[in-house]
Amino acid sequence: MKNRIKLYLFMFILLSVSVNASFFERVYLPPPLMSGNSSGNFNFQTIIVHNLNVTGTTYFLNDSVTFIHDSDDENHHLNVDLTNLDRIWSNLLKTETKVTTLNNASGWYANITPTEYGSLTFNVAGENGKISAENFPMILKLYNGTSQNPILNRIYINNSNNPAIIVSDSEPIGSHVMVARILVGTVTEQIYGAALVPDNLFGAFKKLLRLQRLKGLFYLEGFNISANTTDLSIGTGKYISTIENQFSNANVSLSSGFFIVKNDGSFAQYTSLNQITQYSTGEVFGSNKYYLATVGVVPYNGHVRIMLLISRKPKTEYTSIITAEVDNYHTSVEHPTQDFLKTNFLPIAKIIVNSNSDLLQYQSNEEYYEDIRLNPY
C-alpha cells in the first residue's frame, strides 16, 4: 500500500500541462499537487494563472515551486530565477540614459536624458521607482572646485519612494544607483575628468563591473602618438570603460595643456614641461637632472585631457638619459593615486625630461617617447 501511494504521488508530481495561452486569457490548470497525512487523506489544490503567454510544458510541484519546461527541452525554476532576477536588477537604472556636461557663466551642469521611453525607471534596494518623462531633459548644477582642488561630483538616486536625482560632493551612504561622477575645477575651466556610464542595463554584472572599474581603463585602438623634441600629440582612439567601448574624438597635445597632481594633492595645469619643478614625492629637481613622466589621458564628454604622472625621486638623481631610461631605482609612476583618477586614467607613453628645459629627450628606441598603450605596466 505504501509503495502504491508513493507511485501515485510520483505520478501526480510529474503531471504536466501543455500551455499555449494568449495574453489576458485566464487559464485554469488541473491540480497536479496534493497534500496528505499519514492516514492517507489527500487534498488537491487548484492553481489559477493569469495573463500567461507560454508555449511549453508547465510543472507545478507546490504553492512555492514552479517549473517551466521550454521548447528547448530545458527546465526553469521560476521562483529561483525570478528571485535571482530581482537581485540582478537591484540598485540599477532600467532605462538607457545619456549624461553630458555643459557650461555657462555660472558654472558646470550635468544634462541627464533617458534615451528610450521618455521616463527613467530604476531599482533601489529591491524597490522599483520611476521619474516621469516631463522631468527630462534634467539639468543639474554641479559643485565647482578650484584649479588646485577640483571637486568630485557624485550624481545618484537613493530613494525609490520619493525619487530624485541628487548631486553631492561626498559618497552616497547606503543603497543607491550611481548615474555619473564628474571631477570639476573652476567655473570657467575644463572638467578634469568624468565617468558618464551609469549603473544601467549591464547591471546583471554589476559587482563584476565595479570590480572591473577598479582596474581602470583599457586600451582598444588609436591614440596614435606623434612627438618631437618640443611637443607630444595624441590622436583619437577607442578604449574600454568597465565593459563598454568608448571613443575619444579629440586630438590633444602637451602644448595645448596638461595637468598633474602634486604631492600635497593639489592639481596644477601647465602648457610647458619646464613649469614642473618637483618629483611626485615633493622634492625639488636638482639642476640638469633627468626624470620620467607617464603621459596618459582622462576622458570626459567624448574628449580626453592629458595628465602627466611625474616619477618619484631616486636615491641618486639621474644625470643622463640612459640612467633615467633604465630606471634602476624604479621611480616611474604608472597610475594616479587620487581615487577617481586612478580608475579613469589611460596610460599612453613614457617620456624623459631634463629638469633644466622643456624638451623631450631622444631615447634608445630612436623616439622621443616609449609607447605603453598595449603594455602600460
Protein backbone atom coordinates (compact mmCIF):
# COMPACT_ATOMS: atom_id res chain seq x y z
CA MET A 1 0.00 0.00 0.00
CA LYS A 2 2.78 2.43 0.93
CA ASN A 3 4.59 1.73 -2.32
CA ARG A 4 1.37 2.32 -4.25
CA ILE A 5 0.86 5.69 -2.54
CA LYS A 6 4.43 6.66 -3.37
CA LEU A 7 3.86 5.71 -7.00
CA TYR A 8 0.66 7.77 -7.19
CA LEU A 9 2.41 10.73 -5.59
CA PHE A 10 5.29 10.50 -8.05
CA MET A 11 2.87 10.36 -10.99
CA PHE A 12 0.94 13.39 -9.77
CA ILE A 13 4.09 15.42 -9.22
CA LEU A 14 5.20 14.76 -12.80
CA LEU A 15 1.79 15.63 -14.16
CA SER A 16 2.27 18.31 -16.80
CA VAL A 17 0.05 20.66 -18.72
CA SER A 18 0.79 21.97 -22.17
CA VAL A 19 0.07 25.68 -22.23
CA ASN A 20 -0.42 27.96 -25.20
CA ALA A 21 -2.42 30.84 -23.74
CA SER A 22 -2.81 34.30 -25.18
CA PHE A 23 -2.30 37.50 -23.25
CA PHE A 24 -5.07 38.40 -20.73
CA GLU A 25 -6.57 34.93 -21.04
CA ARG A 26 -7.38 33.27 -17.71
CA VAL A 27 -6.13 29.72 -17.67
CA TYR A 28 -7.28 27.13 -15.10
CA LEU A 29 -4.73 24.40 -14.76
CA PRO A 30 -5.58 20.96 -13.39
CA PRO A 31 -4.40 20.48 -9.82
CA PRO A 32 -1.20 18.45 -10.05
CA LEU A 33 -0.28 18.84 -6.39
CA MET A 34 -1.77 17.02 -3.46
CA SER A 35 -1.02 17.29 0.21
CA GLY A 36 -1.68 14.49 2.62
CA ASN A 37 -1.18 12.96 6.03
CA SER A 38 -0.24 9.59 7.48
CA SER A 39 -3.85 8.42 7.32
CA GLY A 40 -3.79 8.53 3.55
CA ASN A 41 -6.14 11.52 3.19
CA PHE A 42 -5.15 13.86 0.34
CA ASN A 43 -6.27 17.39 -0.52
CA PHE A 44 -5.91 18.77 -4.02
CA GLN A 45 -5.21 22.46 -4.70
CA THR A 46 -6.45 24.46 -7.66
CA ILE A 47 -3.92 26.81 -9.26
CA ILE A 48 -5.19 29.81 -11.23
CA VAL A 49 -2.79 31.53 -13.61
CA HIS A 50 -3.49 34.99 -15.03
CA ASN A 51 -2.01 36.68 -18.09
CA LEU A 52 0.01 33.65 -19.14
CA ASN A 53 1.68 33.57 -22.53
CA VAL A 54 3.79 30.43 -22.58
CA THR A 55 4.31 27.68 -25.11
CA GLY A 56 5.74 24.60 -23.47
CA THR A 57 5.12 22.30 -20.56
CA THR A 58 4.50 23.67 -17.07
CA TYR A 59 5.14 21.66 -13.91
CA PHE A 60 3.53 22.81 -10.66
CA LEU A 61 5.08 20.97 -7.73
CA ASN A 62 3.62 23.00 -4.86
CA ASP A 63 2.50 26.51 -3.99
CA SER A 64 6.07 27.86 -3.97
CA VAL A 65 7.86 25.69 -6.53
CA THR A 66 7.08 26.19 -10.20
CA PHE A 67 8.96 24.89 -13.22
CA ILE A 68 8.61 25.79 -16.88
CA HIS A 69 9.77 23.22 -19.40
CA ASP A 70 10.54 25.25 -22.51
CA SER A 71 10.67 24.40 -26.21
CA ASP A 72 14.44 23.88 -25.97
CA ASP A 73 13.83 20.96 -23.64
CA GLU A 74 15.13 22.87 -20.61
CA ASN A 75 13.56 23.21 -17.17
CA HIS A 76 13.42 26.63 -15.47
CA HIS A 77 12.78 27.02 -11.76
CA LEU A 78 10.67 30.19 -11.90
CA ASN A 79 10.85 31.02 -8.21
CA VAL A 80 14.64 30.82 -8.13
CA ASP A 81 15.02 32.56 -11.49
CA LEU A 82 12.77 35.46 -10.52
CA THR A 83 14.48 35.86 -7.14
CA ASN A 84 17.86 35.98 -8.87
CA LEU A 85 16.47 38.44 -11.40
CA ASP A 86 15.37 40.74 -8.57
CA ARG A 87 18.87 40.61 -7.12
CA ILE A 88 20.41 41.31 -10.52
CA TRP A 89 18.29 44.43 -11.03
CA SER A 90 18.86 45.85 -7.56
CA ASN A 91 20.43 49.35 -7.50
CA LEU A 92 20.32 49.88 -11.25
CA LEU A 93 18.90 52.14 -13.90
CA LYS A 94 16.48 50.13 -16.04
CA THR A 95 16.38 52.80 -18.74
CA GLU A 96 19.25 53.59 -21.07
CA THR A 97 20.37 57.08 -20.05
CA LYS A 98 22.72 59.63 -21.60
CA VAL A 99 24.73 62.03 -19.43
CA THR A 100 26.60 65.03 -20.85
CA THR A 101 28.10 68.18 -19.35
CA LEU A 102 27.61 71.81 -20.30
CA ASN A 103 28.98 75.12 -19.11
CA ASN A 104 27.90 78.74 -18.83
CA ALA A 105 28.94 81.78 -16.83
CA SER A 106 27.53 80.38 -13.59
CA GLY A 107 29.35 77.07 -13.76
CA TRP A 108 29.11 73.45 -14.87
CA TYR A 109 25.94 71.39 -15.29
CA ALA A 110 25.04 67.77 -15.99
CA ASN A 111 22.39 67.08 -18.63
CA ILE A 112 20.58 63.79 -17.96
CA THR A 113 18.27 62.35 -20.63
CA PRO A 114 16.73 58.87 -20.91
CA THR A 115 17.33 57.66 -24.45
CA GLU A 116 14.22 55.49 -24.62
CA TYR A 117 10.65 55.55 -23.30
CA GLY A 118 10.98 59.17 -22.07
CA SER A 119 10.77 58.34 -18.37
CA LEU A 120 13.58 56.97 -16.22
CA THR A 121 12.99 53.72 -14.35
CA PHE A 122 15.31 52.28 -11.75
CA ASN A 123 15.57 49.97 -8.76
CA VAL A 124 16.99 50.89 -5.37
CA ALA A 125 17.38 48.20 -2.68
CA GLY A 126 14.93 45.92 -4.48
CA GLU A 127 12.21 48.56 -4.90
CA ASN A 128 11.31 49.86 -8.36
CA GLY A 129 10.97 53.59 -8.94
CA LYS A 130 10.23 55.95 -11.78
CA ILE A 131 10.89 59.59 -12.69
CA SER A 132 8.35 60.65 -15.30
CA ALA A 133 9.18 61.95 -18.76
CA GLU A 134 8.18 65.57 -18.13
CA ASN A 135 11.23 65.94 -15.85
CA PHE A 136 13.65 65.41 -18.76
CA PRO A 137 16.00 66.55 -20.01
CA MET A 138 17.11 67.23 -16.44
CA ILE A 139 19.80 69.89 -15.97
CA LEU A 140 21.63 69.67 -12.63
CA LYS A 141 24.06 72.25 -11.25
CA LEU A 142 27.43 70.77 -10.29
CA TYR A 143 29.72 71.79 -7.47
CA ASN A 144 32.63 73.89 -8.72
CA GLY A 145 36.08 73.37 -7.25
CA THR A 146 39.28 75.25 -7.93
CA SER A 147 42.18 74.66 -10.29
CA GLN A 148 44.23 73.23 -7.45
CA ASN A 149 41.40 71.39 -5.68
CA PRO A 150 38.65 70.14 -8.00
CA ILE A 151 35.51 68.58 -6.56
CA LEU A 152 34.30 65.09 -7.47
CA ASN A 153 30.55 65.35 -8.07
CA ARG A 154 28.53 62.18 -7.48
CA ILE A 155 25.16 62.06 -9.25
CA TYR A 156 22.90 59.31 -7.93
CA ILE A 157 19.42 58.12 -6.91
CA ASN A 158 18.93 56.69 -3.43
CA ASN A 159 15.19 56.50 -2.84
CA SER A 160 12.50 54.65 -4.79
CA ASN A 161 9.56 56.01 -2.78
CA ASN A 162 10.46 59.68 -3.26
CA PRO A 163 12.69 59.54 -6.33
CA ALA A 164 15.07 62.37 -7.14
CA ILE A 165 18.46 62.61 -8.80
CA ILE A 166 20.95 64.00 -6.30
CA VAL A 167 24.22 65.86 -6.84
CA SER A 168 26.64 65.54 -3.93
CA ASP A 169 30.31 66.23 -3.23
CA SER A 170 30.52 63.16 -0.98
CA GLU A 171 29.95 59.44 -1.44
CA PRO A 172 26.34 58.26 -1.05
CA ILE A 173 25.52 56.22 2.03
CA GLY A 174 23.51 53.04 1.66
CA SER A 175 21.81 51.61 -1.43
CA HIS A 176 21.87 53.83 -4.50
CA VAL A 177 22.11 53.97 -8.28
CA MET A 178 25.18 55.84 -9.49
CA VAL A 179 24.36 57.92 -12.56
CA ALA A 180 27.68 59.73 -13.13
CA ARG A 181 30.86 61.01 -11.47
CA ILE A 182 32.38 64.27 -12.69
CA LEU A 183 35.59 65.92 -11.48
CA VAL A 184 35.06 69.70 -11.75
CA GLY A 185 37.58 72.52 -11.39
CA THR A 186 36.62 76.18 -11.60
CA VAL A 187 33.59 77.72 -13.30
CA THR A 188 35.46 78.59 -16.48
CA GLU A 189 37.98 75.76 -16.80
CA GLN A 190 37.60 72.38 -18.39
CA ILE A 191 36.40 69.40 -16.41
CA TYR A 192 39.33 67.27 -15.28
CA GLY A 193 37.52 64.01 -15.99
CA ALA A 194 34.12 62.32 -15.98
CA ALA A 195 32.70 58.81 -15.70
CA LEU A 196 29.40 59.11 -17.54
CA VAL A 197 28.41 55.42 -17.75
CA PRO A 198 25.56 54.86 -15.27
CA ASP A 199 24.78 51.68 -13.37
CA ASN A 200 22.36 50.62 -16.09
CA LEU A 201 21.29 47.66 -18.22
CA PHE A 202 24.63 45.96 -17.73
CA GLY A 203 23.66 45.58 -14.10
CA ALA A 204 23.43 41.84 -14.49
CA PHE A 205 27.16 42.01 -13.99
CA LYS A 206 27.16 44.95 -11.60
CA LYS A 207 29.50 43.54 -9.00
CA LEU A 208 31.87 42.39 -11.73
CA LEU A 209 31.60 45.81 -13.37
CA ARG A 210 32.52 47.60 -10.18
CA LEU A 211 35.47 45.29 -9.75
CA GLN A 212 36.42 45.91 -13.37
CA ARG A 213 36.06 49.66 -12.84
CA LEU A 214 38.70 49.48 -10.15
CA LYS A 215 41.12 48.16 -12.75
CA GLY A 216 40.77 51.39 -14.73
CA LEU A 217 40.52 51.94 -18.47
CA PHE A 218 41.73 49.52 -21.13
CA TYR A 219 43.19 50.47 -24.50
CA LEU A 220 41.46 49.25 -27.67
CA GLU A 221 42.84 51.17 -30.64
CA GLY A 222 44.06 54.54 -31.86
CA PHE A 223 45.53 57.25 -29.60
CA ASN A 224 48.43 57.39 -32.04
CA ILE A 225 51.48 59.22 -30.72
CA SER A 226 53.44 61.87 -32.55
CA ALA A 227 56.40 63.56 -30.84
CA ASN A 228 59.45 65.68 -31.40
CA THR A 229 61.82 67.48 -29.11
CA THR A 230 59.29 70.22 -28.28
CA ASP A 231 55.89 68.53 -28.13
CA LEU A 232 53.91 65.27 -27.97
CA SER A 233 50.48 64.80 -29.55
CA ILE A 234 47.86 62.07 -29.06
CA GLY A 235 45.21 61.27 -31.67
CA THR A 236 41.67 59.97 -31.40
CA GLY A 237 41.08 56.45 -30.13
CA LYS A 238 38.90 53.83 -28.51
CA TYR A 239 39.12 52.38 -25.01
CA ILE A 240 37.06 50.20 -22.68
CA SER A 241 35.42 51.67 -19.60
CA THR A 242 34.04 48.79 -17.48
CA ILE A 243 32.69 46.66 -20.39
CA GLU A 244 31.59 49.44 -22.75
CA ASN A 245 33.60 50.67 -25.71
CA GLN A 246 34.17 54.42 -25.57
CA PHE A 247 35.57 56.82 -28.15
CA SER A 248 37.70 59.95 -27.87
CA ASN A 249 37.14 62.25 -30.83
CA ALA A 250 39.73 64.91 -29.98
CA ASN A 251 43.41 65.32 -30.74
CA VAL A 252 45.38 66.66 -27.78
CA SER A 253 48.97 67.71 -27.15
CA LEU A 254 51.22 68.76 -24.29
CA SER A 255 51.45 72.27 -25.71
CA SER A 256 47.66 72.62 -25.65
CA GLY A 257 47.65 71.88 -21.93
CA PHE A 258 48.01 69.10 -19.38
CA PHE A 259 47.65 68.70 -15.65
CA ILE A 260 49.42 66.96 -12.78
CA VAL A 261 48.53 66.17 -9.18
CA LYS A 262 51.20 67.32 -6.76
CA ASN A 263 52.47 65.55 -3.67
CA ASP A 264 50.12 67.60 -1.45
CA GLY A 265 47.09 66.51 -3.52
CA SER A 266 46.61 69.83 -5.30
CA PHE A 267 46.11 69.98 -9.06
CA ALA A 268 48.23 72.13 -11.39
CA GLN A 269 47.63 72.94 -15.06
CA TYR A 270 50.56 73.63 -17.37
CA THR A 271 51.38 74.13 -21.05
CA SER A 272 55.16 73.60 -20.78
CA LEU A 273 57.29 70.90 -19.17
CA ASN A 274 59.63 73.46 -17.60
CA GLN A 275 56.76 74.59 -15.39
CA ILE A 276 57.15 71.31 -13.49
CA THR A 277 59.65 71.78 -10.65
CA GLN A 278 59.40 68.74 -8.39
CA TYR A 279 59.07 64.99 -8.22
CA SER A 280 55.75 63.36 -7.37
CA THR A 281 57.16 62.78 -3.88
CA GLY A 282 57.54 66.53 -3.37
CA GLU A 283 61.31 67.05 -3.69
CA VAL A 284 62.57 69.81 -6.00
CA PHE A 285 64.52 68.69 -9.07
CA GLY A 286 68.27 69.06 -8.94
CA SER A 287 69.92 71.10 -11.67
CA ASN A 288 70.30 69.36 -15.03
CA LYS A 289 68.80 66.08 -13.82
CA TYR A 290 66.61 63.67 -15.78
CA TYR A 291 63.23 62.34 -14.68
CA LEU A 292 60.49 60.14 -16.13
CA ALA A 293 56.89 61.08 -16.79
CA THR A 294 53.96 58.85 -17.78
CA VAL A 295 51.68 60.57 -20.28
CA GLY A 296 48.06 59.45 -20.16
CA VAL A 297 44.56 60.66 -20.89
CA VAL A 298 41.47 61.14 -18.70
CA PRO A 299 38.12 61.05 -20.57
CA TYR A 300 35.16 63.38 -20.39
CA ASN A 301 32.24 64.01 -22.79
CA GLY A 302 33.81 62.11 -25.69
CA HIS A 303 37.06 64.03 -25.29
CA VAL A 304 40.18 63.50 -23.19
CA ARG A 305 42.57 65.63 -21.16
CA ILE A 306 46.28 64.86 -20.84
CA MET A 307 47.54 64.02 -17.38
CA LEU A 308 51.22 63.56 -16.52
CA LEU A 309 52.47 61.32 -13.72
CA ILE A 310 55.88 62.54 -12.58
CA SER A 311 58.37 59.98 -11.27
CA ARG A 312 59.43 59.64 -7.66
CA LYS A 313 62.81 60.98 -6.60
CA PRO A 314 65.51 58.30 -6.98
CA LYS A 315 68.06 57.62 -4.27
CA THR A 316 70.56 59.29 -6.58
CA GLU A 317 69.12 61.61 -9.19
CA TYR A 318 69.64 60.53 -12.78
CA THR A 319 72.28 62.51 -14.64
CA SER A 320 71.82 61.07 -18.14
CA ILE A 321 69.10 59.90 -20.49
CA ILE A 322 70.24 56.29 -20.31
CA THR A 323 70.20 56.12 -16.50
CA ALA A 324 66.70 57.58 -16.48
CA GLU A 325 65.59 55.12 -19.15
CA VAL A 326 66.99 52.12 -17.27
CA ASP A 327 65.47 53.49 -14.04
CA ASN A 328 67.35 51.25 -11.62
CA TYR A 329 65.56 52.83 -8.66
CA HIS A 330 62.10 52.09 -10.12
CA THR A 331 60.91 55.66 -9.83
CA SER A 332 58.37 55.59 -12.66
CA VAL A 333 54.72 56.16 -11.65
CA GLU A 334 52.21 54.25 -13.79
CA HIS A 335 48.86 55.19 -12.29
CA PRO A 336 47.41 58.08 -10.25
CA THR A 337 46.81 57.79 -6.52
CA GLN A 338 43.72 60.01 -6.46
CA ASP A 339 40.69 57.71 -6.14
CA PHE A 340 38.70 58.92 -9.13
CA LEU A 341 41.65 59.39 -11.48
CA LYS A 342 43.22 56.00 -10.86
CA THR A 343 40.13 54.32 -12.33
CA ASN A 344 39.76 56.81 -15.21
CA PHE A 345 43.33 57.11 -16.48
CA LEU A 346 44.60 55.52 -19.70
CA PRO A 347 48.44 55.32 -19.99
CA ILE A 348 49.76 56.23 -23.45
CA ALA A 349 53.51 56.95 -23.36
CA LYS A 350 56.55 57.47 -21.17
CA ILE A 351 58.87 60.39 -21.74
CA ILE A 352 62.20 61.54 -20.29
CA VAL A 353 62.62 65.19 -19.41
CA ASN A 354 65.62 67.29 -18.41
CA SER A 355 64.88 69.43 -15.36
CA ASN A 356 66.56 72.47 -16.95
CA SER A 357 64.45 72.51 -20.13
CA ASP A 358 61.05 71.81 -21.62
CA LEU A 359 62.44 69.45 -24.26
CA LEU A 360 61.63 65.75 -24.68
CA GLN A 361 64.72 63.55 -24.72
CA TYR A 362 65.63 61.17 -27.55
CA GLN A 363 65.54 57.59 -26.22
CA SER A 364 67.34 54.40 -27.22
CA ASN A 365 64.33 53.27 -29.30
CA GLU A 366 65.05 56.27 -31.55
CA GLU A 367 61.85 58.00 -30.47
CA TYR A 368 61.07 60.84 -28.09
CA TYR A 369 58.78 58.54 -26.14
CA GLU A 370 58.17 54.91 -25.18
CA ASP A 371 54.83 53.59 -26.39
CA ILE A 372 52.99 51.92 -23.48
CA ARG A 373 49.47 51.76 -24.88
CA LEU A 374 49.44 47.94 -25.02
CA ASN A 375 51.73 47.33 -22.05
CA PRO A 376 51.41 50.20 -19.56
CA TYR A 377 52.88 48.35 -16.59
